[in-house]
Protein backbone atom coordinates (compact mmCIF):
# COMPACT_ATOMS: atom_id res chain seq x y z
CA LYS A 1 85.48 26.31 -38.56
CA ARG A 2 85.16 29.86 -38.29
CA VAL A 3 82.04 32.01 -38.82
CA LEU A 4 82.14 35.63 -39.31
CA VAL A 5 79.19 37.66 -38.08
CA GLY A 6 78.91 41.26 -39.06
CA ASP A 7 77.71 44.41 -37.44
CA SER A 8 74.33 43.65 -38.75
CA GLY A 9 74.23 40.29 -36.59
CA GLN A 10 74.12 38.28 -39.87
CA ILE A 11 76.53 35.76 -41.04
CA ASP A 12 78.97 37.49 -43.21
CA GLY A 13 81.20 34.29 -44.08
CA VAL A 14 82.38 31.11 -43.05
CA ARG A 15 85.74 29.36 -43.37
CA LEU A 16 85.78 25.35 -43.17
CA THR A 17 88.62 23.24 -42.75
CA GLY A 18 88.40 19.45 -42.18
CA GLU A 19 84.83 18.84 -41.03
CA THR A 20 82.44 20.42 -43.54
CA ALA A 21 79.11 18.56 -42.65
CA ALA A 22 77.45 22.06 -42.06
CA ARG A 23 78.49 23.71 -45.08
CA ASP A 24 75.17 23.58 -47.21
CA TRP A 25 72.89 24.98 -44.49
CA LEU A 26 75.52 27.48 -43.38
CA LYS A 27 75.67 28.71 -46.79
CA GLU A 28 72.01 28.97 -47.10
CA LEU A 29 71.61 30.78 -43.73
CA MET A 30 74.27 33.39 -45.07
CA GLU A 31 72.67 33.96 -48.15
CA ALA A 32 69.36 34.45 -46.59
CA GLY A 33 70.81 37.10 -44.38
CA THR A 34 69.58 35.00 -41.27
CA PRO A 35 70.54 36.61 -38.00
CA ALA A 36 73.15 34.75 -36.10
CA ALA A 37 72.14 35.31 -32.54
CA ASP A 38 69.82 32.43 -32.10
CA LEU A 39 72.26 30.15 -34.03
CA ARG A 40 75.39 30.73 -32.12
CA LYS A 41 75.58 27.22 -30.44
CA TRP A 42 74.86 25.68 -33.90
CA MET A 43 77.04 27.26 -36.00
CA LEU A 44 80.35 25.62 -34.80
CA ALA A 45 78.62 22.26 -34.31
CA PRO A 46 79.49 19.33 -36.98
CA ALA A 47 76.05 19.02 -37.92
CA ALA A 48 74.95 18.00 -41.46
CA THR A 49 71.35 19.09 -41.01
CA PRO A 50 70.33 22.66 -39.75
CA PRO A 51 68.78 23.27 -36.48
CA SER A 52 65.28 22.80 -36.04
CA GLY A 53 63.31 25.53 -37.74
CA GLY A 54 66.20 25.90 -40.33
CA ASN A 55 65.97 26.15 -44.06
CA GLN A 56 65.72 22.46 -45.37
CA ARG A 57 66.27 23.20 -48.92
CA GLY A 58 69.25 20.65 -49.22
CA LYS A 59 72.47 21.35 -51.28
CA ILE A 60 72.07 23.49 -54.08
CA ILE A 61 72.22 21.94 -57.46
CA CYS A 62 72.17 24.95 -59.85
CA ASN A 63 74.64 27.35 -58.53
CA CYS A 64 74.04 29.92 -61.44
CA LEU A 65 70.25 30.20 -60.39
CA ASN A 66 70.49 29.13 -56.74
CA VAL A 67 68.04 25.91 -57.37
CA SER A 68 68.13 23.57 -54.51
CA GLU A 69 67.93 19.74 -54.62
CA ARG A 70 64.83 19.73 -52.76
CA ASP A 71 62.85 22.02 -55.34
CA ILE A 72 64.24 19.83 -58.11
CA LYS A 73 63.14 16.66 -56.55
CA ALA A 74 59.68 18.09 -55.86
CA ALA A 75 59.43 18.92 -59.66
CA ILE A 76 60.67 15.54 -60.74
CA GLU A 77 57.96 13.62 -58.35
CA ALA A 78 55.42 16.09 -59.77
CA GLY A 79 56.18 14.56 -63.20
CA GLN A 80 58.45 17.16 -64.76
CA ASP A 81 61.31 16.05 -67.27
CA LEU A 82 64.40 18.02 -67.93
CA GLU A 83 62.73 20.36 -70.24
CA GLN A 84 59.96 21.29 -67.85
CA LEU A 85 62.40 21.73 -65.16
CA GLN A 86 64.40 24.17 -67.15
CA ASP A 87 61.24 26.13 -67.96
CA SER A 88 59.84 26.20 -64.46
CA LEU A 89 62.92 26.26 -62.17
CA LYS A 90 65.34 27.63 -64.79
CA CYS A 91 67.89 25.01 -63.57
CA GLY A 92 70.25 24.11 -66.29
CA THR A 93 69.66 27.05 -68.55
CA SER A 94 72.92 29.16 -67.64
CA CYS A 95 76.01 27.39 -67.80
CA GLY A 96 74.62 23.95 -68.01
CA SER A 97 77.10 22.33 -65.66
CA CYS A 98 74.41 21.02 -63.53
CA VAL A 99 72.62 19.28 -66.18
CA PRO A 100 74.25 15.89 -65.64
CA GLU A 101 73.25 16.01 -62.06
CA ILE A 102 69.72 16.92 -62.87
CA LYS A 103 69.52 14.01 -65.51
CA ARG A 104 70.88 11.58 -62.89
CA MET A 105 68.25 12.69 -60.39
CA ILE A 106 65.39 12.14 -63.02
CA SER A 107 67.09 8.67 -63.88
CA ILE A 108 67.15 7.72 -60.01
CA SER A 109 63.39 8.82 -59.61
CA ARG A 110 62.28 7.05 -62.52
CA ALA A 111 64.00 3.90 -61.45
CA THR A 112 62.30 3.94 -58.01
CA THR A 113 58.82 4.75 -59.29
């Protein structure tokens, strides 16, 4: 694993090979422009969850519009169906490749309630 920290002190890039458990939260930190100084010891750790205090959005389901698994799950738990999710979060309204995953999440939620 290699982490590129730019002159601004923010994570500018990450290269993962082999173990990729930290992929999702490292990507979130990079996209958010999070300063890397306080996270140096965690950036190379094989951790699937971010260090405490980190962003807990979960994996990104809709890459086109940067909609996270956590956001979608919260909306589903609030009773939203696919059409309502598309209206409120806009997920699945661009390329549509995430729609099957969103439908799967809705089905799982309904099956467990």
